[in-house]
């Protein structure tokens, strides 16, 4: 039986031999792309960063002590290198996955929604996304039910509606989803889920305020 040897296509440029790029090899092949997206909060953003050191300090303190009664608000927030407040990129990913429940899976794998596809194919370039401000707006105080069944006050820093944040969203399966559909998903993420703490009760909701033209991802 005759065998066929696969060869890499090459083109001569001057006196050098250069391998063909993706456009020549694959025609309409699309590279992964990214969008810069700005969101604006329509509901308060609640900070609630889990701080292990602060938790251990409270647990090791005597009942009724100052460490048990007082809240270290700084331990509840995230910050980036320039000192501005921020939120983890995973919060936005979770919101987009929740929004994916309302859309069909574009990869045609038989899954019921686009949620798993979004988890696999959408990625924020940042680990933490800055709000662009260094101070929270106020401390929210409300009665909460704790794990031991007792009720007591819970205090958290919040940003009032009107907060803004910008992030770099990378799309790793460009052949399956268009930039316009990505913006629909992000906007829906703000409508049905939101980011931050207390989203079950509507906090952290947002809308897309601005976005850039898609550009190829530079790894």
N, C-alpha and C. Protein backbone atom coordinates (compact mmCIF):
# COMPACT_ATOMS: atom_id res chain seq x y z
N UNK A 1 0.86 -1.20 0.00
CA UNK A 1 0.00 0.00 0.00
C UNK A 1 0.89 1.24 0.00
N UNK A 2 0.54 2.19 -0.85
CA UNK A 2 1.34 3.40 -0.94
C UNK A 2 1.07 4.28 0.27
N UNK A 3 2.08 4.98 0.72
CA UNK A 3 1.95 5.90 1.86
C UNK A 3 2.10 7.32 1.37
N UNK A 4 1.43 8.24 2.08
CA UNK A 4 1.48 9.66 1.72
C UNK A 4 2.22 10.41 2.80
N UNK A 5 3.19 11.20 2.43
CA UNK A 5 3.96 11.99 3.39
C UNK A 5 3.40 13.40 3.44
N UNK A 6 3.02 13.86 4.65
CA UNK A 6 2.51 15.22 4.81
C UNK A 6 3.68 16.19 4.84
N UNK A 7 3.56 17.28 4.13
CA UNK A 7 4.62 18.28 4.07
C UNK A 7 4.06 19.65 4.49
N UNK A 8 4.90 20.43 5.14
CA UNK A 8 4.53 21.78 5.53
C UNK A 8 4.72 22.71 4.35
N UNK A 9 3.70 23.51 4.05
CA UNK A 9 3.81 24.45 2.95
C UNK A 9 4.77 25.56 3.31
N UNK A 10 5.61 25.97 2.36
CA UNK A 10 6.55 27.07 2.57
C UNK A 10 6.52 28.00 1.37
N UNK A 11 6.91 29.25 1.60
CA UNK A 11 6.95 30.22 0.53
C UNK A 11 8.31 30.90 0.56
N UNK A 12 8.84 31.22 -0.60
CA UNK A 12 10.14 31.89 -0.70
C UNK A 12 9.96 33.39 -0.59
N UNK A 13 10.68 34.01 0.33
CA UNK A 13 10.69 35.46 0.49
C UNK A 13 12.12 35.91 0.33
N UNK A 14 12.43 36.51 -0.85
CA UNK A 14 13.83 36.85 -1.14
C UNK A 14 14.61 35.56 -1.26
N UNK A 15 15.66 35.44 -0.46
CA UNK A 15 16.48 34.24 -0.50
C UNK A 15 16.15 33.30 0.65
N UNK A 16 15.16 33.71 1.52
CA UNK A 16 14.84 32.89 2.69
C UNK A 16 13.56 32.09 2.45
N UNK A 17 13.46 30.96 3.10
CA UNK A 17 12.27 30.13 3.04
C UNK A 17 11.46 30.33 4.32
N UNK A 18 10.20 30.76 4.19
CA UNK A 18 9.38 31.10 5.34
C UNK A 18 8.12 30.25 5.37
N UNK A 19 7.78 29.72 6.53
CA UNK A 19 6.55 28.94 6.67
C UNK A 19 5.35 29.85 6.51
N UNK A 20 4.30 29.34 5.85
CA UNK A 20 3.09 30.12 5.67
C UNK A 20 2.40 30.36 7.00
N UNK A 21 1.78 31.52 7.15
CA UNK A 21 1.06 31.85 8.38
C UNK A 21 -0.33 31.27 8.36
N UNK A 22 -1.10 31.46 9.47
CA UNK A 22 -2.44 30.89 9.58
C UNK A 22 -3.38 31.33 8.47
N UNK A 23 -3.27 32.59 8.03
CA UNK A 23 -4.19 33.09 6.99
C UNK A 23 -4.03 32.31 5.69
N UNK A 24 -2.77 32.00 5.34
CA UNK A 24 -2.54 31.26 4.10
C UNK A 24 -2.93 29.78 4.23
N UNK A 25 -2.71 29.22 5.40
CA UNK A 25 -2.98 27.80 5.59
C UNK A 25 -4.45 27.49 5.81
N UNK A 26 -5.15 28.39 6.50
CA UNK A 26 -6.50 28.08 6.92
C UNK A 26 -7.55 29.04 6.38
N UNK A 27 -7.18 29.95 5.50
CA UNK A 27 -8.15 30.85 4.89
C UNK A 27 -8.81 31.77 5.90
N UNK A 28 -10.08 31.50 6.26
CA UNK A 28 -10.84 32.38 7.16
C UNK A 28 -10.64 32.03 8.63
N UNK A 29 -9.62 31.29 8.94
CA UNK A 29 -9.32 30.94 10.34
C UNK A 29 -9.26 32.19 11.19
N UNK A 30 -9.94 32.17 12.36
CA UNK A 30 -9.99 33.32 13.25
C UNK A 30 -9.15 33.07 14.49
N UNK A 31 -8.37 34.07 14.87
CA UNK A 31 -7.55 33.96 16.07
C UNK A 31 -8.35 34.37 17.29
N UNK A 32 -8.00 33.86 18.46
CA UNK A 32 -8.65 34.32 19.70
C UNK A 32 -8.55 35.85 19.80
N UNK A 33 -9.62 36.48 20.29
CA UNK A 33 -9.65 37.94 20.35
C UNK A 33 -10.00 38.40 21.76
N UNK A 34 -9.85 39.71 21.98
CA UNK A 34 -10.13 40.29 23.29
C UNK A 34 -10.91 41.59 23.12
N UNK A 35 -11.68 41.92 24.14
CA UNK A 35 -12.45 43.16 24.18
C UNK A 35 -12.17 43.86 25.51
N UNK A 36 -12.01 45.17 25.47
CA UNK A 36 -11.97 45.96 26.69
C UNK A 36 -13.40 46.40 26.99
N UNK A 37 -13.90 46.03 28.17
CA UNK A 37 -15.29 46.29 28.52
C UNK A 37 -15.37 47.11 29.80
N UNK A 38 -16.19 48.14 29.79
CA UNK A 38 -16.43 48.94 30.99
C UNK A 38 -17.85 48.70 31.46
N UNK A 39 -18.00 48.42 32.74
CA UNK A 39 -19.33 48.21 33.31
C UNK A 39 -19.63 49.30 34.34
N UNK A 40 -20.91 49.56 34.55
CA UNK A 40 -21.34 50.55 35.53
C UNK A 40 -22.36 49.90 36.46
N UNK A 41 -22.16 50.06 37.77
CA UNK A 41 -23.04 49.44 38.74
C UNK A 41 -24.38 50.14 38.85
N UNK A 42 -25.45 49.36 38.85
CA UNK A 42 -26.80 49.91 39.05
C UNK A 42 -27.32 49.55 40.44
N UNK A 43 -26.58 48.69 41.17
CA UNK A 43 -26.89 48.34 42.55
C UNK A 43 -25.59 48.40 43.35
N UNK A 44 -25.67 48.50 44.68
CA UNK A 44 -24.44 48.58 45.49
C UNK A 44 -23.56 47.34 45.33
N UNK A 45 -22.26 47.56 45.40
CA UNK A 45 -21.31 46.44 45.41
C UNK A 45 -20.90 46.18 46.85
N UNK A 46 -21.08 44.95 47.34
CA UNK A 46 -20.74 44.56 48.71
C UNK A 46 -19.40 43.83 48.72
N UNK A 47 -18.45 44.33 49.50
CA UNK A 47 -17.18 43.64 49.69
C UNK A 47 -17.32 42.61 50.80
N UNK A 48 -16.68 41.47 50.61
CA UNK A 48 -16.65 40.46 51.68
C UNK A 48 -15.49 39.49 51.41
N UNK A 49 -14.28 40.02 51.42
CA UNK A 49 -13.10 39.17 51.15
C UNK A 49 -12.86 38.23 52.33
N UNK A 50 -12.71 36.93 52.08
CA UNK A 50 -12.37 36.02 53.17
C UNK A 50 -10.91 36.18 53.56
N UNK A 51 -10.65 36.60 54.78
CA UNK A 51 -9.29 36.82 55.26
C UNK A 51 -8.98 35.80 56.36
N UNK A 52 -8.11 34.85 56.06
CA UNK A 52 -7.83 33.77 56.99
C UNK A 52 -7.19 34.28 58.28
N UNK A 53 -6.26 35.23 58.17
CA UNK A 53 -5.58 35.76 59.36
C UNK A 53 -6.59 36.42 60.29
N UNK A 54 -7.49 37.22 59.72
CA UNK A 54 -8.49 37.90 60.54
C UNK A 54 -9.44 36.91 61.19
N UNK A 55 -9.81 35.87 60.44
CA UNK A 55 -10.72 34.85 60.98
C UNK A 55 -10.07 34.12 62.15
N UNK A 56 -8.79 33.74 61.98
CA UNK A 56 -8.09 33.03 63.05
C UNK A 56 -7.94 33.91 64.30
N UNK A 57 -7.72 35.22 64.09
CA UNK A 57 -7.61 36.14 65.22
C UNK A 57 -8.91 36.21 65.99
N UNK A 58 -10.02 36.28 65.28
CA UNK A 58 -11.33 36.35 65.94
C UNK A 58 -11.64 35.05 66.67
N UNK A 59 -11.31 33.91 66.03
CA UNK A 59 -11.60 32.62 66.64
C UNK A 59 -10.78 32.38 67.90
N UNK A 60 -9.57 32.90 67.93
CA UNK A 60 -8.70 32.68 69.09
C UNK A 60 -8.93 33.70 70.21
N UNK A 61 -9.76 34.70 69.94
CA UNK A 61 -10.03 35.73 70.95
C UNK A 61 -11.12 35.27 71.90
N UNK A 62 -11.10 35.83 73.09
CA UNK A 62 -12.10 35.47 74.10
C UNK A 62 -13.47 36.02 73.72
N UNK A 63 -14.52 35.29 74.05
CA UNK A 63 -15.88 35.80 73.78
C UNK A 63 -16.09 37.16 74.45
N UNK A 64 -16.66 38.09 73.68
CA UNK A 64 -16.91 39.42 74.21
C UNK A 64 -15.74 40.37 74.11
N UNK A 65 -14.59 39.89 73.59
CA UNK A 65 -13.42 40.74 73.46
C UNK A 65 -13.59 41.72 72.32
N UNK A 66 -12.71 42.74 72.29
CA UNK A 66 -12.78 43.75 71.23
C UNK A 66 -12.57 43.12 69.86
N UNK A 67 -11.64 42.14 69.76
CA UNK A 67 -11.36 41.49 68.48
C UNK A 67 -12.59 40.78 67.93
N UNK A 68 -13.44 40.28 68.84
CA UNK A 68 -14.67 39.60 68.42
C UNK A 68 -15.75 40.60 68.00
N UNK A 69 -15.79 41.73 68.68
CA UNK A 69 -16.88 42.68 68.45
C UNK A 69 -16.61 43.62 67.28
N UNK A 70 -15.36 44.03 67.11
CA UNK A 70 -15.04 45.03 66.09
C UNK A 70 -14.73 44.38 64.75
N UNK A 71 -15.06 45.07 63.67
CA UNK A 71 -14.80 44.58 62.32
C UNK A 71 -13.65 45.35 61.69
N UNK A 72 -12.66 44.62 61.19
CA UNK A 72 -11.56 45.24 60.46
C UNK A 72 -11.99 45.37 59.00
N UNK A 73 -12.49 46.54 58.63
CA UNK A 73 -13.06 46.71 57.29
C UNK A 73 -12.03 46.50 56.18
N UNK A 74 -10.79 46.89 56.45
CA UNK A 74 -9.76 46.74 55.42
C UNK A 74 -9.54 45.27 55.07
N UNK A 75 -9.75 44.39 56.03
CA UNK A 75 -9.57 42.96 55.77
C UNK A 75 -10.66 42.39 54.87
N UNK A 76 -11.72 43.15 54.63
CA UNK A 76 -12.84 42.67 53.82
C UNK A 76 -12.76 43.10 52.36
N UNK A 77 -11.77 43.91 51.99
CA UNK A 77 -11.70 44.42 50.62
C UNK A 77 -10.46 43.88 49.90
N UNK A 78 -10.53 43.92 48.56
CA UNK A 78 -9.38 43.60 47.71
C UNK A 78 -8.79 44.90 47.19
N UNK A 79 -7.49 44.91 46.97
CA UNK A 79 -6.82 46.05 46.35
C UNK A 79 -5.80 45.54 45.33
N UNK A 80 -5.55 46.37 44.31
CA UNK A 80 -4.50 46.06 43.33
C UNK A 80 -3.26 46.88 43.67
N UNK A 81 -2.22 46.76 42.84
CA UNK A 81 -0.91 47.35 43.17
C UNK A 81 -0.95 48.85 43.41
N UNK A 82 -1.83 49.57 42.71
CA UNK A 82 -1.86 51.02 42.88
C UNK A 82 -2.71 51.46 44.07
N UNK A 83 -3.19 50.51 44.86
CA UNK A 83 -3.94 50.83 46.06
C UNK A 83 -5.43 51.00 45.87
N UNK A 84 -5.92 50.88 44.63
CA UNK A 84 -7.35 51.05 44.40
C UNK A 84 -8.10 49.77 44.74
N UNK A 85 -9.36 49.95 45.12
CA UNK A 85 -10.22 48.82 45.43
C UNK A 85 -10.47 47.98 44.19
N UNK A 86 -10.71 46.68 44.39
CA UNK A 86 -10.86 45.78 43.26
C UNK A 86 -11.77 44.61 43.62
N UNK A 87 -12.12 43.83 42.61
CA UNK A 87 -12.86 42.58 42.84
C UNK A 87 -12.17 41.46 42.07
N UNK A 88 -12.28 40.20 42.54
CA UNK A 88 -11.63 39.08 41.85
C UNK A 88 -12.27 38.82 40.49
N UNK A 89 -11.46 38.49 39.50
CA UNK A 89 -11.98 38.19 38.16
C UNK A 89 -12.95 37.02 38.19
N UNK A 90 -12.79 36.11 39.14
CA UNK A 90 -13.68 34.95 39.22
C UNK A 90 -15.14 35.36 39.44
N UNK A 91 -15.36 36.52 40.07
CA UNK A 91 -16.75 36.97 40.26
C UNK A 91 -17.41 37.27 38.93
N UNK A 92 -16.66 37.89 38.02
CA UNK A 92 -17.22 38.18 36.70
C UNK A 92 -17.44 36.90 35.91
N UNK A 93 -16.50 35.96 36.01
CA UNK A 93 -16.65 34.68 35.31
C UNK A 93 -17.91 33.96 35.78
N UNK A 94 -18.13 33.91 37.09
CA UNK A 94 -19.33 33.25 37.64
C UNK A 94 -20.60 33.93 37.15
N UNK A 95 -20.57 35.26 37.05
CA UNK A 95 -21.75 35.98 36.57
C UNK A 95 -22.03 35.65 35.11
N UNK A 96 -20.98 35.55 34.29
CA UNK A 96 -21.18 35.22 32.88
C UNK A 96 -21.66 33.79 32.71
N UNK A 97 -21.15 32.87 33.52
CA UNK A 97 -21.62 31.48 33.46
C UNK A 97 -23.10 31.41 33.83
N UNK A 98 -23.50 32.18 34.84
CA UNK A 98 -24.92 32.23 35.21
C UNK A 98 -25.77 32.77 34.05
N UNK A 99 -25.25 33.78 33.35
CA UNK A 99 -25.96 34.33 32.20
C UNK A 99 -26.07 33.31 31.08
N UNK A 100 -25.08 32.42 30.99
CA UNK A 100 -25.07 31.41 29.94
C UNK A 100 -26.22 30.42 30.02
N UNK A 101 -26.86 30.35 31.19
CA UNK A 101 -28.01 29.45 31.32
C UNK A 101 -29.17 29.86 30.43
N UNK A 102 -29.15 31.12 29.99
CA UNK A 102 -30.25 31.64 29.18
C UNK A 102 -29.94 31.61 27.67
N UNK A 103 -28.79 31.00 27.32
CA UNK A 103 -28.38 30.93 25.91
C UNK A 103 -28.03 29.48 25.54
N UNK A 104 -28.26 29.08 24.29
CA UNK A 104 -27.89 27.72 23.87
C UNK A 104 -26.39 27.57 23.75
N UNK A 105 -25.91 26.35 23.85
CA UNK A 105 -24.49 26.06 23.75
C UNK A 105 -24.04 26.18 22.29
N UNK A 106 -23.18 27.15 21.95
CA UNK A 106 -22.76 27.33 20.55
C UNK A 106 -21.83 26.23 20.05
N UNK A 107 -21.25 25.44 20.96
CA UNK A 107 -20.32 24.39 20.53
C UNK A 107 -21.04 23.12 20.12
N UNK A 108 -22.35 23.08 20.23
CA UNK A 108 -23.18 21.96 19.75
C UNK A 108 -22.75 20.63 20.36
N UNK A 109 -22.44 20.62 21.64
CA UNK A 109 -22.02 19.39 22.30
C UNK A 109 -23.20 18.64 22.91
N UNK A 110 -24.37 19.22 22.82
CA UNK A 110 -25.54 18.61 23.42
C UNK A 110 -25.81 19.10 24.83
N UNK A 111 -24.96 19.99 25.34
CA UNK A 111 -25.21 20.54 26.67
C UNK A 111 -26.39 21.51 26.60
N UNK A 112 -27.11 21.64 27.68
CA UNK A 112 -28.37 22.37 27.67
C UNK A 112 -28.21 23.88 27.58
N UNK A 113 -27.06 24.41 27.97
CA UNK A 113 -26.89 25.86 27.96
C UNK A 113 -25.45 26.21 27.60
N UNK A 114 -25.20 27.53 27.46
CA UNK A 114 -23.86 28.01 27.13
C UNK A 114 -22.97 28.15 28.36
N UNK A 115 -23.49 27.85 29.55
CA UNK A 115 -22.72 28.01 30.77
C UNK A 115 -21.36 27.32 30.75
N UNK A 116 -21.30 26.00 30.48
CA UNK A 116 -20.00 25.32 30.43
C UNK A 116 -19.07 25.87 29.34
N UNK A 117 -19.65 26.26 28.20
CA UNK A 117 -18.85 26.84 27.12
C UNK A 117 -18.20 28.14 27.57
N UNK A 118 -18.93 28.98 28.29
CA UNK A 118 -18.39 30.24 28.78
C UNK A 118 -17.27 30.00 29.78
N UNK A 119 -17.46 29.03 30.67
CA UNK A 119 -16.43 28.71 31.67
C UNK A 119 -15.14 28.28 31.00
N UNK A 120 -15.24 27.59 29.87
CA UNK A 120 -14.06 27.08 29.17
C UNK A 120 -13.44 28.12 28.23
N UNK A 121 -14.24 29.01 27.65
CA UNK A 121 -13.78 29.83 26.54
C UNK A 121 -13.66 31.32 26.84
N UNK A 122 -14.17 31.78 27.97
CA UNK A 122 -14.07 33.19 28.34
C UNK A 122 -13.04 33.32 29.46
N UNK A 123 -12.16 34.31 29.36
CA UNK A 123 -11.13 34.48 30.38
C UNK A 123 -10.80 35.96 30.54
N UNK A 124 -10.72 36.43 31.78
CA UNK A 124 -10.28 37.80 32.05
C UNK A 124 -8.77 37.82 32.15
N UNK A 125 -8.15 38.82 31.54
CA UNK A 125 -6.69 38.93 31.59
C UNK A 125 -6.20 39.27 33.00
N UNK A 126 -7.02 39.99 33.77
CA UNK A 126 -6.64 40.40 35.11
C UNK A 126 -7.05 39.35 36.15
N UNK A 127 -6.25 39.22 37.20
CA UNK A 127 -6.66 38.40 38.35
C UNK A 127 -7.65 39.17 39.22
N UNK A 128 -7.43 40.49 39.34
CA UNK A 128 -8.33 41.37 40.07
C UNK A 128 -8.60 42.60 39.22
N UNK A 129 -9.84 43.05 39.22
CA UNK A 129 -10.27 44.17 38.39
C UNK A 129 -10.47 45.40 39.27
N UNK A 130 -9.82 46.50 38.92
CA UNK A 130 -9.86 47.71 39.74
C UNK A 130 -11.16 48.49 39.55
N UNK A 131 -11.65 49.07 40.65
CA UNK A 131 -12.78 50.00 40.59
C UNK A 131 -12.30 51.43 40.31
N UNK A 132 -10.99 51.66 40.40
CA UNK A 132 -10.44 52.98 40.13
C UNK A 132 -10.56 53.97 41.26
N UNK A 133 -10.99 53.52 42.45
CA UNK A 133 -11.10 54.40 43.62
C UNK A 133 -10.40 53.72 44.80
N UNK A 134 -9.97 54.53 45.77
CA UNK A 134 -9.22 53.98 46.89
C UNK A 134 -10.03 53.84 48.17
N UNK A 135 -11.21 54.42 48.21
CA UNK A 135 -12.03 54.35 49.43
C UNK A 135 -13.44 53.88 49.09
N UNK A 136 -14.03 53.12 50.00
CA UNK A 136 -15.41 52.70 49.82
C UNK A 136 -16.34 53.85 50.19
N UNK A 137 -17.60 53.74 49.78
CA UNK A 137 -18.55 54.85 49.98
C UNK A 137 -19.11 54.88 51.40
N UNK A 138 -19.42 53.72 51.94
CA UNK A 138 -19.97 53.66 53.29
C UNK A 138 -19.91 52.23 53.82
N UNK A 139 -20.28 52.08 55.09
CA UNK A 139 -20.36 50.77 55.71
C UNK A 139 -21.83 50.39 55.84
N UNK A 140 -22.19 49.28 55.22
CA UNK A 140 -23.56 48.79 55.30
C UNK A 140 -23.70 47.95 56.57
N UNK A 141 -24.73 48.20 57.36
CA UNK A 141 -24.99 47.45 58.59
C UNK A 141 -26.39 46.87 58.50
N UNK A 142 -26.50 45.57 58.70
CA UNK A 142 -27.81 44.92 58.68
C UNK A 142 -27.77 43.67 59.56
N UNK A 143 -28.93 43.20 59.97
CA UNK A 143 -29.02 42.01 60.80
C UNK A 143 -28.84 40.78 59.92
N UNK A 144 -27.99 39.86 60.36
CA UNK A 144 -27.73 38.64 59.60
C UNK A 144 -27.86 37.44 60.53
N UNK A 145 -28.14 36.29 59.94
CA UNK A 145 -28.21 35.04 60.70
C UNK A 145 -26.91 34.28 60.48
N UNK A 146 -26.24 33.94 61.56
CA UNK A 146 -24.95 33.27 61.48
C UNK A 146 -25.11 31.75 61.57
N UNK A 147 -23.98 31.04 61.36
CA UNK A 147 -24.02 29.58 61.28
C UNK A 147 -24.54 28.93 62.56
N UNK A 148 -24.33 29.58 63.70
CA UNK A 148 -24.81 29.01 64.95
C UNK A 148 -26.29 29.26 65.19
N UNK A 149 -26.95 29.87 64.22
CA UNK A 149 -28.39 30.14 64.33
C UNK A 149 -28.74 31.44 65.00
N UNK A 150 -27.73 32.14 65.53
CA UNK A 150 -27.98 33.40 66.20
C UNK A 150 -27.99 34.55 65.20
N UNK A 151 -28.73 35.60 65.55
CA UNK A 151 -28.78 36.79 64.72
C UNK A 151 -27.87 37.86 65.31
N UNK A 152 -27.30 38.68 64.43
CA UNK A 152 -26.46 39.77 64.89
C UNK A 152 -26.14 40.71 63.75
N UNK A 153 -25.53 41.85 64.06
CA UNK A 153 -25.23 42.83 63.01
C UNK A 153 -24.08 42.34 62.11
N UNK A 154 -24.19 42.62 60.82
CA UNK A 154 -23.11 42.33 59.88
C UNK A 154 -22.75 43.62 59.18
N UNK A 155 -21.46 43.94 59.20
CA UNK A 155 -20.99 45.20 58.63
C UNK A 155 -20.06 44.92 57.46
N UNK A 156 -20.32 45.56 56.32
CA UNK A 156 -19.48 45.38 55.13
C UNK A 156 -19.30 46.71 54.41
N UNK A 157 -18.08 46.96 53.90
CA UNK A 157 -17.88 48.14 53.04
C UNK A 157 -18.65 47.96 51.73
N UNK A 158 -19.20 49.04 51.22
CA UNK A 158 -19.90 48.96 49.94
C UNK A 158 -19.52 50.15 49.06
N UNK A 159 -19.73 49.97 47.75
CA UNK A 159 -19.69 51.06 46.78
C UNK A 159 -21.12 51.29 46.32
N UNK A 160 -21.55 52.52 46.34
CA UNK A 160 -22.92 52.84 45.96
C UNK A 160 -23.11 52.71 44.45
N UNK A 161 -24.36 52.60 43.98
CA UNK A 161 -24.62 52.54 42.53
C UNK A 161 -23.92 53.69 41.80
N UNK A 162 -23.40 53.36 40.63
CA UNK A 162 -22.60 54.33 39.87
C UNK A 162 -21.14 53.94 39.83
N UNK A 163 -20.74 52.91 40.62
CA UNK A 163 -19.36 52.45 40.55
C UNK A 163 -19.04 51.94 39.14
N UNK A 164 -17.76 52.01 38.78
CA UNK A 164 -17.34 51.58 37.45
C UNK A 164 -16.11 50.70 37.53
N UNK A 165 -15.96 49.83 36.53
CA UNK A 165 -14.78 48.97 36.44
C UNK A 165 -14.58 48.59 34.98
N UNK A 166 -13.33 48.43 34.58
CA UNK A 166 -12.99 48.04 33.21
C UNK A 166 -12.11 46.81 33.25
N UNK A 167 -12.34 45.88 32.32
CA UNK A 167 -11.53 44.66 32.27
C UNK A 167 -11.30 44.22 30.84
N UNK A 168 -10.32 43.35 30.66
CA UNK A 168 -9.89 42.85 29.36
C UNK A 168 -10.40 41.42 29.23
N UNK A 169 -11.47 41.22 28.46
CA UNK A 169 -12.09 39.91 28.32
C UNK A 169 -11.56 39.19 27.09
N UNK A 170 -11.01 38.00 27.28
CA UNK A 170 -10.43 37.20 26.20
C UNK A 170 -11.40 36.09 25.79
N UNK A 171 -11.57 35.94 24.48
CA UNK A 171 -12.44 34.90 23.92
C UNK A 171 -11.55 33.88 23.22
N UNK A 172 -11.55 32.64 23.72
CA UNK A 172 -10.59 31.64 23.26
C UNK A 172 -11.16 30.72 22.18
N UNK A 173 -12.45 30.86 21.88
CA UNK A 173 -13.06 30.06 20.81
C UNK A 173 -13.77 31.00 19.84
N UNK A 174 -13.00 31.79 19.08
CA UNK A 174 -13.58 32.86 18.26
C UNK A 174 -14.48 32.35 17.14
N UNK A 175 -14.25 31.13 16.69
CA UNK A 175 -15.06 30.60 15.60
C UNK A 175 -16.48 30.26 16.04
N UNK A 176 -16.73 30.26 17.35
CA UNK A 176 -18.03 29.85 17.86
C UNK A 176 -18.87 31.01 18.40
N UNK A 177 -18.27 32.17 18.63
CA UNK A 177 -19.04 33.26 19.21
C UNK A 177 -18.54 34.61 18.72
N UNK A 178 -19.46 35.47 18.33
CA UNK A 178 -19.14 36.78 17.79
C UNK A 178 -19.04 37.82 18.91
N UNK A 179 -18.29 38.90 18.67
CA UNK A 179 -18.17 39.94 19.70
C UNK A 179 -19.52 40.49 20.16
N UNK A 180 -20.47 40.65 19.24
CA UNK A 180 -21.79 41.16 19.63
C UNK A 180 -22.49 40.24 20.61
N UNK A 181 -22.34 38.92 20.42
CA UNK A 181 -22.96 37.96 21.33
C UNK A 181 -22.26 37.97 22.69
N UNK A 182 -20.95 38.24 22.69
CA UNK A 182 -20.20 38.33 23.95
C UNK A 182 -20.76 39.48 24.79
N UNK A 183 -21.00 40.61 24.15
CA UNK A 183 -21.52 41.78 24.87
C UNK A 183 -22.92 41.50 25.43
N UNK A 184 -23.72 40.75 24.70
CA UNK A 184 -25.05 40.37 25.21
C UNK A 184 -24.90 39.54 26.47
N UNK A 185 -23.95 38.60 26.47
CA UNK A 185 -23.74 37.74 27.64
C UNK A 185 -23.26 38.55 28.84
N UNK A 186 -22.31 39.48 28.62
CA UNK A 186 -21.80 40.29 29.73
C UNK A 186 -22.91 41.16 30.30
N UNK A 187 -23.70 41.76 29.43
CA UNK A 187 -24.79 42.62 29.90
C UNK A 187 -25.82 41.79 30.67
N UNK A 188 -26.10 40.60 30.17
CA UNK A 188 -27.06 39.73 30.86
C UNK A 188 -26.51 39.27 32.20
N UNK A 189 -25.18 39.08 32.26
CA UNK A 189 -24.56 38.71 33.54
C UNK A 189 -24.84 39.74 34.61
N UNK A 190 -24.84 41.02 34.21
CA UNK A 190 -25.14 42.08 35.15
C UNK A 190 -26.60 42.14 35.54
N UNK A 191 -27.47 41.65 34.66
CA UNK A 191 -28.90 41.70 34.93
C UNK A 191 -29.36 40.55 35.82
N UNK A 192 -28.83 39.34 35.58
CA UNK A 192 -29.35 38.15 36.26
C UNK A 192 -28.51 37.71 37.45
N UNK A 193 -27.26 38.19 37.56
CA UNK A 193 -26.40 37.71 38.62
C UNK A 193 -25.71 38.83 39.40
N UNK A 194 -24.90 39.64 38.70
CA UNK A 194 -24.13 40.67 39.38
C UNK A 194 -22.87 40.11 40.00
N UNK A 195 -22.11 40.97 40.67
CA UNK A 195 -20.84 40.58 41.27
C UNK A 195 -20.80 41.04 42.72
N UNK A 196 -19.87 40.44 43.49
CA UNK A 196 -19.71 40.82 44.88
C UNK A 196 -20.57 39.97 45.81
N UNK A 197 -20.67 40.40 47.06
CA UNK A 197 -21.46 39.69 48.06
C UNK A 197 -22.92 40.15 47.97
N UNK A 198 -23.82 39.31 48.49
CA UNK A 198 -25.24 39.65 48.57
C UNK A 198 -25.94 39.68 47.22
N UNK A 199 -25.39 39.01 46.21
CA UNK A 199 -26.03 39.01 44.89
C UNK A 199 -27.36 38.27 44.90
N UNK A 200 -27.54 37.35 45.85
CA UNK A 200 -28.82 36.63 45.95
C UNK A 200 -29.98 37.60 46.13
N UNK A 201 -29.69 38.74 46.76
CA UNK A 201 -30.73 39.74 47.03
C UNK A 201 -30.61 40.95 46.10
N UNK A 202 -29.91 40.78 44.97
CA UNK A 202 -29.89 41.83 43.95
C UNK A 202 -28.72 42.77 43.97
N UNK A 203 -27.80 42.62 44.93
CA UNK A 203 -26.64 43.53 44.97
C UNK A 203 -25.67 43.22 43.84
N UNK A 204 -24.86 44.22 43.48
CA UNK A 204 -23.81 44.02 42.49
C UNK A 204 -24.26 43.97 41.05
N UNK A 205 -25.51 44.32 40.77
CA UNK A 205 -25.98 44.30 39.38
C UNK A 205 -25.33 45.45 38.59
N UNK A 206 -25.13 45.23 37.29
CA UNK A 206 -24.43 46.22 36.46
C UNK A 206 -24.91 46.14 35.03
N UNK A 207 -24.50 47.12 34.22
CA UNK A 207 -24.76 47.12 32.78
C UNK A 207 -23.48 47.48 32.05
N UNK A 208 -23.39 47.09 30.79
CA UNK A 208 -22.23 47.44 29.97
C UNK A 208 -22.32 48.90 29.59
N UNK A 209 -21.28 49.65 29.92
CA UNK A 209 -21.24 51.08 29.67
C UNK A 209 -20.49 51.42 28.39
N UNK A 210 -19.42 50.69 28.10
CA UNK A 210 -18.60 50.95 26.91
C UNK A 210 -17.79 49.70 26.59
N UNK A 211 -17.33 49.63 25.33
CA UNK A 211 -16.51 48.48 24.92
C UNK A 211 -15.66 48.88 23.72
N UNK A 212 -14.58 48.15 23.52
CA UNK A 212 -13.66 48.45 22.44
C UNK A 212 -13.90 47.54 21.24
N UNK A 213 -13.23 47.84 20.15
CA UNK A 213 -13.22 46.92 19.00
C UNK A 213 -12.45 45.67 19.39
N UNK A 214 -12.83 44.50 18.88
CA UNK A 214 -12.07 43.28 19.19
C UNK A 214 -10.67 43.34 18.58
N UNK A 215 -9.68 42.84 19.31
CA UNK A 215 -8.30 42.80 18.83
C UNK A 215 -7.75 41.41 19.08
N UNK A 216 -6.83 40.91 18.24
CA UNK A 216 -6.24 39.59 18.47
C UNK A 216 -5.50 39.55 19.81
N UNK A 217 -5.58 38.42 20.49
CA UNK A 217 -4.87 38.26 21.75
C UNK A 217 -3.38 38.12 21.49
N UNK A 218 -2.58 38.83 22.26
CA UNK A 218 -1.13 38.72 22.17
C UNK A 218 -0.65 37.94 23.39
N UNK A 219 -0.26 36.71 23.18
CA UNK A 219 0.18 35.84 24.29
C UNK A 219 1.59 36.21 24.70
